[in-house]
Amino acid sequence: MTGTPRENRVREFRKKSRITQAELGAQVGVSRQSIVSTEKGDYAPSVYLALRLARSLGTTVEELFPLTEEGP
């Protein structure tokens, strides 16, 4: 895995849910800054946090964190 940011759809689903980063963080038990870092792709959440995020946002982990093909 490279040092490039990871693509995810957390921000998109959070905005659809009309909640703030702080509200989402409180729902899943992390800080607002953890949500900011996750949305930017600077932080890869644990499996447990990914599951809590998906549940809070009414979607699946696969929808929030789609796998992308890495080039050679």
Protein backbone atom coordinates (compact mmCIF):
# COMPACT_ATOMS: atom_id res chain seq x y z
CA MET A 1 0.00 0.00 0.00
CA THR A 2 1.33 3.44 -0.87
CA GLY A 3 1.40 6.63 1.19
CA THR A 4 -1.37 8.21 -0.88
CA PRO A 5 -4.71 9.13 0.69
CA ARG A 6 -7.39 6.46 0.63
CA GLU A 7 -10.62 7.19 -1.21
CA ASN A 8 -13.82 6.83 0.76
CA ARG A 9 -17.39 8.11 0.75
CA VAL A 10 -17.77 8.99 4.44
CA ARG A 11 -18.22 12.73 3.76
CA GLU A 12 -20.79 12.06 1.03
CA PHE A 13 -22.92 9.84 3.28
CA ARG A 14 -22.50 12.16 6.27
CA LYS A 15 -23.73 15.13 4.27
CA LYS A 16 -26.70 13.09 2.97
CA SER A 17 -27.53 12.34 6.60
CA ARG A 18 -27.27 16.08 7.38
CA ILE A 19 -25.05 15.63 10.41
CA THR A 20 -21.83 17.37 11.39
CA GLN A 21 -18.45 15.75 11.82
CA ALA A 22 -18.77 16.27 15.58
CA GLU A 23 -22.19 14.60 15.64
CA LEU A 24 -20.96 11.61 13.65
CA GLY A 25 -17.93 11.32 15.91
CA ALA A 26 -20.16 11.31 18.98
CA GLN A 27 -22.40 8.63 17.45
CA VAL A 28 -19.48 6.29 16.76
CA GLY A 29 -17.34 7.16 19.79
CA VAL A 30 -14.44 9.08 18.25
CA SER A 31 -13.36 12.72 18.06
CA ARG A 32 -14.38 15.16 15.34
CA GLN A 33 -10.73 15.19 14.26
CA SER A 34 -10.83 11.43 13.68
CA ILE A 35 -13.80 11.94 11.36
CA VAL A 36 -11.96 14.77 9.56
CA SER A 37 -8.88 12.55 9.08
CA THR A 38 -11.01 9.63 7.90
CA GLU A 39 -12.88 11.77 5.37
CA LYS A 40 -9.60 13.17 4.01
CA GLY A 41 -8.18 9.67 3.66
CA ASP A 42 -5.34 10.37 6.11
CA TYR A 43 -6.60 7.76 8.57
CA ALA A 44 -7.76 4.22 7.86
CA PRO A 45 -10.31 3.30 10.53
CA SER A 46 -10.28 -0.03 12.29
CA VAL A 47 -12.76 -2.65 11.16
CA TYR A 48 -14.85 -1.90 14.24
CA LEU A 49 -14.95 1.83 13.56
CA ALA A 50 -15.75 1.23 9.89
CA LEU A 51 -18.69 -0.94 10.95
CA ARG A 52 -19.93 1.73 13.39
CA LEU A 53 -19.61 4.42 10.71
CA ALA A 54 -21.54 2.33 8.20
CA ARG A 55 -24.29 1.57 10.71
CA SER A 56 -24.59 5.24 11.75
CA LEU A 57 -24.75 6.36 8.12
CA GLY A 58 -27.24 3.68 7.07
CA THR A 59 -24.98 1.92 4.59
CA THR A 60 -22.36 -0.81 4.33
CA VAL A 61 -18.60 -0.77 4.85
CA GLU A 62 -18.21 -1.72 1.18
CA GLU A 63 -20.16 1.38 0.12
CA LEU A 64 -18.18 3.70 2.42
CA PHE A 65 -14.76 2.26 1.62
CA PRO A 66 -14.78 0.88 -1.92
CA LEU A 67 -11.75 -1.07 -3.03
CA THR A 68 -9.81 0.42 -5.91
CA GLU A 69 -7.32 -1.31 -8.14
CA GLU A 70 -3.73 -0.26 -7.58
CA GLY A 71 -1.51 0.16 -10.61
CA PRO A 72 1.82 -1.62 -11.07
